[in-house]
N, C-alpha and C. Protein backbone atom coordinates (compact mmCIF):
# COMPACT_ATOMS: atom_id res chain seq x y z
N MET A 1 23.79 -60.78 56.44
CA MET A 1 22.41 -60.66 56.07
C MET A 1 21.78 -62.00 55.70
N THR A 2 22.56 -62.99 55.54
CA THR A 2 22.00 -64.29 55.15
C THR A 2 21.17 -64.87 56.28
N GLU A 3 21.55 -64.56 57.53
CA GLU A 3 20.76 -65.05 58.66
C GLU A 3 19.38 -64.40 58.67
N HIS A 4 19.33 -63.10 58.37
CA HIS A 4 18.04 -62.41 58.30
C HIS A 4 17.20 -62.93 57.14
N ASP A 5 17.88 -63.24 56.03
CA ASP A 5 17.16 -63.79 54.89
C ASP A 5 16.57 -65.16 55.21
N ASP A 6 17.33 -65.97 55.94
CA ASP A 6 16.84 -67.29 56.34
C ASP A 6 15.62 -67.17 57.25
N VAL A 7 15.68 -66.23 58.18
CA VAL A 7 14.56 -66.02 59.11
C VAL A 7 13.34 -65.54 58.33
N ALA A 8 13.55 -64.62 57.40
CA ALA A 8 12.44 -64.09 56.60
C ALA A 8 11.83 -65.21 55.75
N LEU A 9 12.68 -66.08 55.19
CA LEU A 9 12.20 -67.19 54.38
C LEU A 9 11.39 -68.17 55.23
N GLU A 10 11.88 -68.49 56.40
CA GLU A 10 11.15 -69.40 57.29
C GLU A 10 9.82 -68.80 57.75
N LEU A 11 9.83 -67.50 58.05
CA LEU A 11 8.59 -66.83 58.42
C LEU A 11 7.58 -66.86 57.27
N GLU A 12 8.05 -66.70 56.05
CA GLU A 12 7.16 -66.75 54.88
C GLU A 12 6.60 -68.16 54.70
N ARG A 13 7.41 -69.17 54.92
CA ARG A 13 6.92 -70.55 54.84
C ARG A 13 5.89 -70.82 55.93
N LEU A 14 6.17 -70.34 57.13
CA LEU A 14 5.23 -70.51 58.24
C LEU A 14 3.92 -69.80 57.93
N ARG A 15 4.01 -68.62 57.36
CA ARG A 15 2.81 -67.88 56.98
C ARG A 15 2.00 -68.66 55.96
N GLY A 16 2.65 -69.24 54.98
CA GLY A 16 1.96 -70.03 53.97
C GLY A 16 1.28 -71.25 54.58
N THR A 17 1.97 -71.90 55.52
CA THR A 17 1.40 -73.06 56.19
C THR A 17 0.17 -72.68 57.00
N VAL A 18 0.25 -71.57 57.71
CA VAL A 18 -0.88 -71.10 58.52
C VAL A 18 -2.06 -70.73 57.63
N GLU A 19 -1.79 -70.06 56.51
CA GLU A 19 -2.86 -69.69 55.59
C GLU A 19 -3.53 -70.93 55.00
N ALA A 20 -2.74 -71.94 54.66
CA ALA A 20 -3.32 -73.18 54.13
C ALA A 20 -4.16 -73.87 55.19
N GLY A 21 -3.69 -73.86 56.44
CA GLY A 21 -4.46 -74.46 57.52
C GLY A 21 -5.77 -73.74 57.75
N PHE A 22 -5.75 -72.43 57.71
CA PHE A 22 -6.98 -71.65 57.88
C PHE A 22 -7.95 -71.90 56.71
N ALA A 23 -7.41 -72.05 55.51
CA ALA A 23 -8.27 -72.32 54.35
C ALA A 23 -8.96 -73.67 54.51
N ARG A 24 -8.23 -74.68 54.98
CA ARG A 24 -8.83 -76.00 55.22
C ARG A 24 -9.88 -75.91 56.32
N LEU A 25 -9.57 -75.17 57.37
CA LEU A 25 -10.51 -75.01 58.48
C LEU A 25 -11.78 -74.30 58.03
N ASP A 26 -11.63 -73.27 57.20
CA ASP A 26 -12.80 -72.56 56.67
C ASP A 26 -13.66 -73.50 55.83
N GLY A 27 -13.02 -74.34 55.03
CA GLY A 27 -13.77 -75.30 54.22
C GLY A 27 -14.54 -76.28 55.08
N ARG A 28 -13.92 -76.75 56.13
CA ARG A 28 -14.60 -77.69 57.03
C ARG A 28 -15.76 -77.01 57.75
N LEU A 29 -15.56 -75.77 58.17
CA LEU A 29 -16.64 -75.04 58.84
C LEU A 29 -17.81 -74.79 57.89
N ASP A 30 -17.50 -74.48 56.63
CA ASP A 30 -18.57 -74.31 55.64
C ASP A 30 -19.35 -75.60 55.45
N LEU A 31 -18.64 -76.73 55.42
CA LEU A 31 -19.29 -78.02 55.28
C LEU A 31 -20.18 -78.32 56.49
N LEU A 32 -19.69 -78.02 57.68
CA LEU A 32 -20.49 -78.24 58.88
C LEU A 32 -21.72 -77.34 58.90
N ALA A 33 -21.58 -76.11 58.46
CA ALA A 33 -22.73 -75.20 58.40
C ALA A 33 -23.77 -75.72 57.41
N GLN A 34 -23.31 -76.25 56.27
CA GLN A 34 -24.23 -76.80 55.29
C GLN A 34 -24.96 -78.02 55.85
N ARG A 35 -24.23 -78.89 56.53
CA ARG A 35 -24.86 -80.07 57.13
C ARG A 35 -25.85 -79.66 58.21
N ASP A 36 -25.53 -78.62 58.96
CA ASP A 36 -26.44 -78.13 60.00
C ASP A 36 -27.74 -77.62 59.37
N ASP A 37 -27.62 -76.91 58.26
CA ASP A 37 -28.82 -76.43 57.56
C ASP A 37 -29.67 -77.60 57.06
N GLN A 38 -29.02 -78.63 56.51
CA GLN A 38 -29.76 -79.79 56.04
C GLN A 38 -30.44 -80.51 57.20
N THR A 39 -29.75 -80.60 58.34
CA THR A 39 -30.33 -81.25 59.51
C THR A 39 -31.53 -80.46 60.01
N ASP A 40 -31.42 -79.14 60.00
CA ASP A 40 -32.56 -78.30 60.42
C ASP A 40 -33.76 -78.51 59.50
N LYS A 41 -33.52 -78.60 58.19
CA LYS A 41 -34.61 -78.82 57.25
C LYS A 41 -35.25 -80.19 57.48
N THR A 42 -34.42 -81.20 57.70
CA THR A 42 -34.94 -82.54 57.94
C THR A 42 -35.74 -82.58 59.23
N LEU A 43 -35.24 -81.93 60.27
CA LEU A 43 -35.94 -81.88 61.55
C LEU A 43 -37.28 -81.16 61.40
N ALA A 44 -37.32 -80.07 60.67
CA ALA A 44 -38.57 -79.35 60.45
C ALA A 44 -39.57 -80.21 59.67
N ASP A 45 -39.06 -80.96 58.68
CA ASP A 45 -39.93 -81.85 57.91
C ASP A 45 -40.50 -82.95 58.81
N HIS A 46 -39.66 -83.54 59.64
CA HIS A 46 -40.14 -84.59 60.55
C HIS A 46 -41.14 -84.03 61.56
N GLU A 47 -40.90 -82.84 62.03
CA GLU A 47 -41.83 -82.21 62.98
C GLU A 47 -43.19 -81.99 62.33
N GLN A 48 -43.17 -81.54 61.08
CA GLN A 48 -44.42 -81.32 60.35
C GLN A 48 -45.15 -82.65 60.14
N ARG A 49 -44.43 -83.69 59.76
CA ARG A 49 -45.06 -84.99 59.54
C ARG A 49 -45.62 -85.54 60.84
N LEU A 50 -44.91 -85.37 61.94
CA LEU A 50 -45.40 -85.84 63.23
C LEU A 50 -46.66 -85.09 63.65
N THR A 51 -46.68 -83.79 63.43
CA THR A 51 -47.86 -82.99 63.75
C THR A 51 -49.06 -83.45 62.93
N THR A 52 -48.83 -83.73 61.66
CA THR A 52 -49.91 -84.21 60.79
C THR A 52 -50.43 -85.56 61.28
N LEU A 53 -49.52 -86.45 61.66
CA LEU A 53 -49.94 -87.75 62.16
C LEU A 53 -50.72 -87.63 63.47
N GLU A 54 -50.28 -86.74 64.34
CA GLU A 54 -50.99 -86.55 65.61
C GLU A 54 -52.39 -86.00 65.39
N ARG A 55 -52.54 -85.13 64.40
CA ARG A 55 -53.85 -84.55 64.13
C ARG A 55 -54.82 -85.56 63.53
N THR A 56 -54.30 -86.47 62.72
CA THR A 56 -55.17 -87.39 61.99
C THR A 56 -55.22 -88.78 62.61
N ARG A 57 -54.64 -88.96 63.76
CA ARG A 57 -54.62 -90.31 64.35
C ARG A 57 -56.01 -90.72 64.81
N TRP A 58 -56.22 -91.98 64.91
CA TRP A 58 -57.50 -92.52 65.34
C TRP A 58 -57.70 -92.20 66.81
N PRO A 59 -58.88 -91.74 67.19
CA PRO A 59 -59.12 -91.41 68.61
C PRO A 59 -59.37 -92.68 69.43
N LEU A 60 -58.32 -93.44 69.69
CA LEU A 60 -58.46 -94.73 70.37
C LEU A 60 -59.05 -94.63 71.77
N PRO A 61 -58.66 -93.68 72.60
CA PRO A 61 -59.27 -93.62 73.93
C PRO A 61 -60.79 -93.39 73.87
N SER A 62 -61.23 -92.54 72.98
CA SER A 62 -62.67 -92.29 72.85
C SER A 62 -63.38 -93.53 72.35
N LEU A 63 -62.75 -94.22 71.40
CA LEU A 63 -63.34 -95.45 70.88
C LEU A 63 -63.42 -96.52 71.97
N ALA A 64 -62.41 -96.62 72.82
CA ALA A 64 -62.43 -97.60 73.91
C ALA A 64 -63.57 -97.31 74.88
N VAL A 65 -63.80 -96.04 75.18
CA VAL A 65 -64.90 -95.67 76.08
C VAL A 65 -66.24 -96.04 75.46
N LEU A 66 -66.41 -95.78 74.17
CA LEU A 66 -67.66 -96.12 73.50
C LEU A 66 -67.90 -97.64 73.48
N ILE A 67 -66.88 -98.41 73.20
CA ILE A 67 -67.03 -99.87 73.17
C ILE A 67 -67.32 -100.40 74.57
N GLY A 68 -66.63 -99.85 75.58
CA GLY A 68 -66.88 -100.26 76.96
C GLY A 68 -68.31 -99.94 77.39
N GLY A 69 -68.76 -98.75 77.04
CA GLY A 69 -70.13 -98.35 77.37
C GLY A 69 -71.15 -99.24 76.67
N ALA A 70 -70.89 -99.58 75.41
CA ALA A 70 -71.79 -100.45 74.67
C ALA A 70 -71.80 -101.85 75.29
N GLY A 71 -70.64 -102.32 75.73
CA GLY A 71 -70.57 -103.62 76.39
C GLY A 71 -71.34 -103.64 77.69
N CYS A 72 -71.23 -102.59 78.48
CA CYS A 72 -71.98 -102.49 79.73
C CYS A 72 -73.48 -102.44 79.46
N ALA A 73 -73.87 -101.65 78.48
CA ALA A 73 -75.30 -101.55 78.14
C ALA A 73 -75.83 -102.89 77.66
N LEU A 74 -75.08 -103.59 76.86
CA LEU A 74 -75.50 -104.90 76.37
C LEU A 74 -75.61 -105.91 77.51
N SER A 75 -74.67 -105.86 78.43
CA SER A 75 -74.71 -106.76 79.60
C SER A 75 -75.92 -106.45 80.47
N ALA A 76 -76.20 -105.18 80.69
CA ALA A 76 -77.35 -104.80 81.50
C ALA A 76 -78.64 -105.24 80.81
N TRP A 77 -78.71 -105.11 79.52
CA TRP A 77 -79.89 -105.52 78.77
C TRP A 77 -80.10 -107.03 78.86
N GLN A 78 -78.98 -107.78 78.81
CA GLN A 78 -79.07 -109.24 78.93
C GLN A 78 -79.54 -109.65 80.33
N LEU A 79 -79.10 -108.93 81.36
CA LEU A 79 -79.51 -109.24 82.72
C LEU A 79 -81.00 -108.96 82.94
N ILE A 80 -81.48 -107.88 82.36
CA ILE A 80 -82.87 -107.49 82.51
C ILE A 80 -83.76 -108.45 81.72
N ARG A 81 -83.39 -108.88 80.66
CA ARG A 81 -84.19 -109.73 79.77
C ARG A 81 -84.22 -111.13 80.20
């Protein structure tokens, strides 16, 4: 029976090793899930800030058209005068 006892003891050690490995793996997965949540929050914050910046940005193309039109009108006025 000592051979069976040795096998049972080794199986119990193997079981303990596997359980410890799964516990470490669960801890790492929990950490990754937490980091993923933080990344999602950061991404949502950046998206909101970008949307705010896009809404409040200076309308440069419209301003360029107005300045160009004013320049053309001023040039035409100078030619006529």
